[in-house]
């Protein structure tokens, strides 16, 4: 099972599109995670609606503060394959759009969301 830390940072992803948002399929995500070429951002939260605003705060904070809060390196604007997902897909798409708006050119959305991952990867 995939382990993810909150902003649940772990793992980087190639693209399709969903409403103009670059997306990644489950098979692409598996491959990227297996090769260590993905950073995965879980934007699910107790109150999922708050996750996107937390993400904006996280992506705009100082790198040292990000590391202290999330125990991970803050992604760089030029990092490739920053994959955002949530429970069903909507918040992940919003998070991807937010990251792109902040200049993260490698932001991608895993449209299958946690629901698909759980069903197929268990």
N, C-alpha and C. Protein backbone atom coordinates (compact mmCIF):
# COMPACT_ATOMS: atom_id res chain seq x y z
N UNK A 1 0.85 -1.18 0.00
CA UNK A 1 0.00 0.00 0.00
C UNK A 1 0.89 1.24 0.00
N UNK A 2 0.47 2.25 -0.69
CA UNK A 2 1.21 3.49 -0.80
C UNK A 2 1.24 4.22 0.54
N UNK A 3 2.42 4.66 0.96
CA UNK A 3 2.54 5.45 2.18
C UNK A 3 2.66 6.90 1.78
N UNK A 4 1.90 7.74 2.43
CA UNK A 4 1.91 9.15 2.08
C UNK A 4 1.88 9.97 3.36
N UNK A 5 2.76 10.97 3.50
CA UNK A 5 2.79 11.87 4.65
C UNK A 5 1.94 13.09 4.33
N UNK A 6 1.39 13.85 5.30
CA UNK A 6 0.51 14.98 4.98
C UNK A 6 1.29 16.22 4.61
N UNK A 7 0.89 17.07 3.99
CA UNK A 7 0.36 17.38 2.69
C UNK A 7 0.53 16.06 2.05
N UNK A 8 0.64 15.12 2.62
CA UNK A 8 1.07 13.75 2.49
C UNK A 8 2.05 13.66 1.33
N UNK A 9 3.25 14.09 1.60
CA UNK A 9 4.28 14.17 0.58
C UNK A 9 5.00 12.86 0.44
N UNK A 10 5.21 12.45 -0.74
CA UNK A 10 6.08 11.31 -0.97
C UNK A 10 6.74 11.39 -2.31
N UNK A 11 6.05 11.12 -3.19
CA UNK A 11 6.65 10.75 -4.44
C UNK A 11 6.50 11.65 -5.63
N UNK A 12 6.51 12.09 -8.35
CA UNK A 12 6.59 13.08 -9.51
C UNK A 12 5.85 12.67 -10.80
N UNK A 13 4.84 13.18 -12.43
CA UNK A 13 3.94 12.33 -13.26
C UNK A 13 3.64 12.90 -14.66
N UNK A 14 3.46 12.07 -15.65
CA UNK A 14 3.19 12.45 -17.04
C UNK A 14 1.73 12.85 -17.24
N UNK A 15 1.36 13.31 -18.42
CA UNK A 15 0.10 14.03 -18.51
C UNK A 15 -0.87 13.54 -19.55
N UNK A 16 -2.13 13.71 -19.23
CA UNK A 16 -3.28 13.76 -20.11
C UNK A 16 -3.94 15.05 -19.70
N UNK A 17 -5.20 15.26 -20.00
CA UNK A 17 -5.85 16.44 -19.47
C UNK A 17 -7.27 16.14 -19.07
N UNK A 18 -7.75 16.86 -18.08
CA UNK A 18 -9.13 16.77 -17.61
C UNK A 18 -9.54 18.21 -17.38
N UNK A 19 -10.43 18.73 -18.19
CA UNK A 19 -10.86 20.12 -18.09
C UNK A 19 -9.66 21.06 -18.09
N UNK A 20 -8.70 20.80 -18.94
CA UNK A 20 -7.54 21.67 -19.04
C UNK A 20 -6.47 21.43 -17.99
N UNK A 21 -6.71 20.51 -17.06
CA UNK A 21 -5.75 20.20 -16.01
C UNK A 21 -4.98 18.95 -16.43
N UNK A 22 -3.64 19.01 -16.47
CA UNK A 22 -2.88 17.80 -16.83
C UNK A 22 -3.19 16.68 -15.85
N UNK A 23 -3.43 15.48 -16.38
CA UNK A 23 -3.78 14.34 -15.53
C UNK A 23 -2.81 13.19 -15.74
N UNK A 24 -2.91 12.22 -14.87
CA UNK A 24 -2.10 11.01 -14.95
C UNK A 24 -3.03 9.82 -14.70
N UNK A 25 -2.80 8.74 -15.43
CA UNK A 25 -3.60 7.53 -15.25
C UNK A 25 -3.01 6.68 -14.13
N UNK A 26 -3.76 5.68 -13.70
CA UNK A 26 -3.28 4.79 -12.66
C UNK A 26 -2.01 4.06 -13.11
N UNK A 27 -1.99 3.58 -14.35
CA UNK A 27 -0.81 2.85 -14.82
C UNK A 27 0.41 3.77 -14.89
N UNK A 28 0.22 5.02 -15.33
CA UNK A 28 1.34 5.98 -15.34
C UNK A 28 1.82 6.25 -13.92
N UNK A 29 0.86 6.42 -13.01
CA UNK A 29 1.21 6.71 -11.63
C UNK A 29 1.99 5.55 -11.01
N UNK A 30 1.54 4.34 -11.24
CA UNK A 30 2.27 3.16 -10.74
C UNK A 30 3.72 3.18 -11.22
N UNK A 31 3.90 3.40 -12.51
CA UNK A 31 5.23 3.41 -13.11
C UNK A 31 6.11 4.51 -12.53
N UNK A 32 5.57 5.69 -12.41
CA UNK A 32 6.33 6.81 -11.87
C UNK A 32 6.71 6.60 -10.41
N UNK A 33 5.79 6.06 -9.63
CA UNK A 33 6.09 5.80 -8.22
C UNK A 33 7.13 4.70 -8.09
N UNK A 34 7.00 3.66 -8.90
CA UNK A 34 7.96 2.55 -8.84
C UNK A 34 9.37 3.00 -9.20
N UNK A 35 9.47 3.98 -10.10
CA UNK A 35 10.78 4.46 -10.53
C UNK A 35 11.30 5.61 -9.68
N UNK A 36 10.49 6.06 -8.71
CA UNK A 36 10.91 7.15 -7.85
C UNK A 36 10.89 8.51 -8.53
N UNK A 37 10.12 8.63 -9.63
CA UNK A 37 10.08 9.89 -10.37
C UNK A 37 8.84 10.70 -10.08
N UNK A 38 8.19 10.48 -8.94
CA UNK A 38 6.96 11.22 -8.63
C UNK A 38 6.98 11.75 -7.21
N UNK A 39 6.42 12.94 -7.02
CA UNK A 39 6.11 13.46 -5.68
C UNK A 39 4.60 13.53 -5.65
N UNK A 40 4.01 12.85 -4.70
CA UNK A 40 2.56 12.70 -4.62
C UNK A 40 2.02 13.57 -3.49
N UNK A 41 1.03 14.39 -3.78
CA UNK A 41 0.43 15.29 -2.81
C UNK A 41 -1.01 14.86 -2.55
N UNK A 42 -1.28 14.39 -1.36
CA UNK A 42 -2.62 13.98 -0.97
C UNK A 42 -3.31 15.20 -0.40
N UNK A 43 -4.33 15.69 -1.06
CA UNK A 43 -5.03 16.88 -0.57
C UNK A 43 -6.33 16.52 0.16
N UNK A 44 -6.48 15.23 0.52
CA UNK A 44 -7.61 14.87 1.36
C UNK A 44 -7.35 15.40 2.76
N UNK A 45 -8.39 15.71 3.47
CA UNK A 45 -8.25 16.15 4.85
C UNK A 45 -9.54 15.84 5.59
N UNK A 46 -9.54 16.09 6.88
CA UNK A 46 -10.76 15.88 7.66
C UNK A 46 -11.89 16.71 7.07
N UNK A 47 -11.60 17.91 6.73
CA UNK A 47 -12.54 18.76 6.01
C UNK A 47 -11.88 19.05 4.67
N UNK A 48 -12.20 18.23 3.65
CA UNK A 48 -11.49 18.32 2.38
C UNK A 48 -11.47 19.73 1.82
N UNK A 49 -12.48 20.50 2.05
CA UNK A 49 -12.52 21.85 1.50
C UNK A 49 -11.37 22.71 2.02
N UNK A 50 -10.86 22.42 3.20
CA UNK A 50 -9.76 23.20 3.77
C UNK A 50 -8.41 22.82 3.17
N UNK A 51 -8.33 21.67 2.56
CA UNK A 51 -7.05 21.16 2.08
C UNK A 51 -6.44 22.05 1.01
N UNK A 52 -7.24 22.58 0.10
CA UNK A 52 -6.70 23.41 -0.98
C UNK A 52 -6.13 24.71 -0.42
N UNK A 53 -6.81 25.31 0.56
CA UNK A 53 -6.26 26.55 1.13
C UNK A 53 -5.00 26.25 1.94
N UNK A 54 -4.94 25.08 2.59
CA UNK A 54 -3.71 24.69 3.29
C UNK A 54 -2.59 24.51 2.28
N UNK A 55 -2.92 23.94 1.14
CA UNK A 55 -1.92 23.74 0.09
C UNK A 55 -1.36 25.07 -0.39
N UNK A 56 -2.22 26.04 -0.60
CA UNK A 56 -1.75 27.35 -1.05
C UNK A 56 -0.78 27.94 -0.03
N UNK A 57 -1.12 27.85 1.22
CA UNK A 57 -0.25 28.34 2.28
C UNK A 57 1.09 27.61 2.26
N UNK A 58 1.04 26.28 2.11
CA UNK A 58 2.26 25.47 2.10
C UNK A 58 3.15 25.82 0.91
N UNK A 59 2.56 25.97 -0.28
CA UNK A 59 3.36 26.21 -1.48
C UNK A 59 3.92 27.62 -1.55
N UNK A 60 3.41 28.51 -0.71
CA UNK A 60 3.93 29.88 -0.72
C UNK A 60 4.82 30.16 0.49
N UNK A 61 5.00 29.20 1.37
CA UNK A 61 5.83 29.45 2.56
C UNK A 61 7.32 29.31 2.25
N UNK A 62 8.11 29.83 3.13
CA UNK A 62 9.56 29.74 3.06
C UNK A 62 9.97 28.26 3.08
N UNK A 63 10.99 27.89 2.28
CA UNK A 63 11.40 26.48 2.26
C UNK A 63 11.76 25.90 3.63
N UNK A 64 12.38 26.68 4.48
CA UNK A 64 12.74 26.18 5.82
C UNK A 64 11.49 25.91 6.65
N UNK A 65 10.51 26.80 6.57
CA UNK A 65 9.27 26.60 7.31
C UNK A 65 8.51 25.39 6.78
N UNK A 66 8.52 25.20 5.46
CA UNK A 66 7.88 24.04 4.84
C UNK A 66 8.50 22.76 5.38
N UNK A 67 9.83 22.73 5.39
CA UNK A 67 10.55 21.53 5.87
C UNK A 67 10.24 21.27 7.34
N UNK A 68 10.20 22.31 8.14
CA UNK A 68 9.91 22.14 9.56
C UNK A 68 8.49 21.61 9.79
N UNK A 69 7.55 22.09 9.00
CA UNK A 69 6.16 21.69 9.17
C UNK A 69 5.84 20.32 8.58
N UNK A 70 6.40 20.02 7.41
CA UNK A 70 6.04 18.78 6.70
C UNK A 70 7.14 17.72 6.66
N UNK A 71 8.30 18.01 7.23
CA UNK A 71 9.44 17.07 7.23
C UNK A 71 9.78 16.60 5.82
N UNK A 72 9.72 17.52 4.88
CA UNK A 72 10.04 17.23 3.47
C UNK A 72 10.51 18.51 2.82
N UNK A 73 11.27 18.35 1.74
CA UNK A 73 11.72 19.52 1.00
C UNK A 73 10.55 20.15 0.26
N UNK A 74 10.49 21.46 0.27
CA UNK A 74 9.46 22.17 -0.49
C UNK A 74 9.74 21.96 -1.98
N UNK A 75 8.70 21.65 -2.75
CA UNK A 75 8.93 21.48 -4.19
C UNK A 75 9.38 22.80 -4.81
N UNK A 76 10.18 22.68 -5.85
CA UNK A 76 10.64 23.85 -6.60
C UNK A 76 9.66 24.11 -7.73
N UNK A 77 9.57 25.36 -8.15
CA UNK A 77 8.65 25.70 -9.23
C UNK A 77 8.89 24.87 -10.48
N UNK A 78 10.15 24.53 -10.73
CA UNK A 78 10.50 23.79 -11.95
C UNK A 78 10.45 22.27 -11.79
N UNK A 79 10.15 21.77 -10.59
CA UNK A 79 10.06 20.32 -10.40
C UNK A 79 9.02 19.72 -11.35
N UNK A 80 9.35 18.57 -11.89
CA UNK A 80 8.44 17.86 -12.78
C UNK A 80 7.59 16.89 -11.98
N UNK A 81 6.42 16.61 -12.49
CA UNK A 81 5.57 15.54 -11.97
C UNK A 81 5.21 15.68 -10.49
N UNK A 82 4.63 16.79 -10.15
CA UNK A 82 4.07 16.98 -8.81
C UNK A 82 2.61 16.54 -8.92
N UNK A 83 2.26 15.43 -8.33
CA UNK A 83 0.94 14.83 -8.53
C UNK A 83 0.05 15.11 -7.33
N UNK A 84 -1.13 15.65 -7.60
CA UNK A 84 -2.10 15.99 -6.57
C UNK A 84 -3.30 15.05 -6.70
N UNK A 85 -3.79 14.57 -5.56
CA UNK A 85 -4.97 13.72 -5.57
C UNK A 85 -5.79 13.95 -4.31
N UNK A 86 -7.01 13.48 -4.34
CA UNK A 86 -7.90 13.58 -3.18
C UNK A 86 -8.75 12.31 -3.12
N UNK A 87 -9.85 12.35 -2.44
CA UNK A 87 -10.70 11.17 -2.29
C UNK A 87 -11.40 10.80 -3.59
N UNK A 88 -12.02 11.78 -4.26
CA UNK A 88 -12.83 11.49 -5.44
C UNK A 88 -12.38 12.21 -6.72
N UNK A 89 -11.58 13.25 -6.62
CA UNK A 89 -11.07 13.91 -7.81
C UNK A 89 -11.21 15.42 -7.87
N UNK A 90 -12.25 15.98 -7.29
CA UNK A 90 -12.50 17.41 -7.42
C UNK A 90 -11.42 18.26 -6.75
N UNK A 91 -11.09 17.97 -5.51
CA UNK A 91 -10.09 18.77 -4.79
C UNK A 91 -8.71 18.60 -5.41
N UNK A 92 -8.40 17.39 -5.89
CA UNK A 92 -7.12 17.17 -6.55
C UNK A 92 -6.97 18.04 -7.78
N UNK A 93 -8.05 18.16 -8.55
CA UNK A 93 -8.04 19.02 -9.73
C UNK A 93 -7.86 20.48 -9.32
N UNK A 94 -8.58 20.91 -8.30
CA UNK A 94 -8.45 22.28 -7.81
C UNK A 94 -7.03 22.54 -7.31
N UNK A 95 -6.45 21.58 -6.61
CA UNK A 95 -5.09 21.73 -6.09
C UNK A 95 -4.09 21.85 -7.23
N UNK A 96 -4.29 21.05 -8.28
CA UNK A 96 -3.40 21.12 -9.44
C UNK A 96 -3.48 22.49 -10.09
N UNK A 97 -4.69 22.99 -10.27
CA UNK A 97 -4.87 24.32 -10.85
C UNK A 97 -4.21 25.39 -9.97
N UNK A 98 -4.37 25.27 -8.67
CA UNK A 98 -3.75 26.21 -7.74
C UNK A 98 -2.24 26.19 -7.88
N UNK A 99 -1.66 25.00 -7.87
CA UNK A 99 -0.20 24.88 -7.99
C UNK A 99 0.28 25.46 -9.31
N UNK A 100 -0.43 25.19 -10.39
CA UNK A 100 -0.06 25.75 -11.68
C UNK A 100 -0.12 27.28 -11.64
N UNK A 101 -1.16 27.81 -11.00
CA UNK A 101 -1.31 29.25 -10.87
C UNK A 101 -0.19 29.90 -10.06
N UNK A 102 0.41 29.13 -9.16
CA UNK A 102 1.53 29.62 -8.37
C UNK A 102 2.87 29.42 -9.09
N UNK A 103 2.83 28.86 -10.29
CA UNK A 103 4.04 28.70 -11.09
C UNK A 103 4.65 27.32 -11.09
N UNK A 104 4.00 26.34 -10.47
CA UNK A 104 4.51 24.97 -10.45
C UNK A 104 4.14 24.30 -11.78
N UNK A 105 5.04 24.38 -12.73
CA UNK A 105 4.76 23.94 -14.09
C UNK A 105 4.62 22.43 -14.23
N UNK A 106 5.14 21.67 -13.29
CA UNK A 106 5.05 20.22 -13.34
C UNK A 106 3.87 19.65 -12.58
N UNK A 107 2.92 20.49 -12.17
CA UNK A 107 1.75 20.03 -11.42
C UNK A 107 0.86 19.15 -12.30
N UNK A 108 0.44 18.01 -11.76
CA UNK A 108 -0.43 17.06 -12.47
C UNK A 108 -1.51 16.58 -11.50
N UNK A 109 -2.59 16.07 -12.05
CA UNK A 109 -3.71 15.59 -11.25
C UNK A 109 -3.91 14.10 -11.50
N UNK A 110 -3.99 13.32 -10.43
CA UNK A 110 -4.35 11.90 -10.55
C UNK A 110 -5.86 11.84 -10.47
N UNK A 111 -6.49 11.81 -11.64
CA UNK A 111 -7.95 11.90 -11.74
C UNK A 111 -8.67 10.71 -11.12
N UNK A 112 -8.01 9.55 -11.07
CA UNK A 112 -8.64 8.37 -10.47
C UNK A 112 -8.84 8.51 -8.98
N UNK A 113 -8.07 9.36 -8.37
CA UNK A 113 -8.18 9.69 -6.96
C UNK A 113 -7.93 8.48 -6.05
N UNK A 114 -8.00 8.72 -4.77
CA UNK A 114 -7.76 7.68 -3.78
C UNK A 114 -8.74 6.53 -3.95
N UNK A 115 -9.95 6.85 -4.34
CA UNK A 115 -10.98 5.83 -4.54
C UNK A 115 -10.52 4.77 -5.53
N UNK A 116 -10.00 5.18 -6.69
CA UNK A 116 -9.52 4.22 -7.68
C UNK A 116 -8.31 3.46 -7.16
N UNK A 117 -7.40 4.20 -6.52
CA UNK A 117 -6.19 3.56 -5.99
C UNK A 117 -6.57 2.44 -5.00
N UNK A 118 -7.46 2.74 -4.11
CA UNK A 118 -7.88 1.77 -3.11
C UNK A 118 -8.55 0.56 -3.76
N UNK A 119 -9.44 0.80 -4.73
CA UNK A 119 -10.13 -0.29 -5.43
C UNK A 119 -9.15 -1.20 -6.17
N UNK A 120 -8.14 -0.61 -6.82
CA UNK A 120 -7.26 -1.40 -7.69
C UNK A 120 -5.95 -1.81 -7.05
N UNK A 121 -5.52 -1.07 -6.04
CA UNK A 121 -4.25 -1.37 -5.40
C UNK A 121 -4.41 -1.90 -3.99
N UNK A 122 -5.60 -1.66 -3.42
CA UNK A 122 -6.01 -2.14 -2.12
C UNK A 122 -5.12 -1.89 -1.00
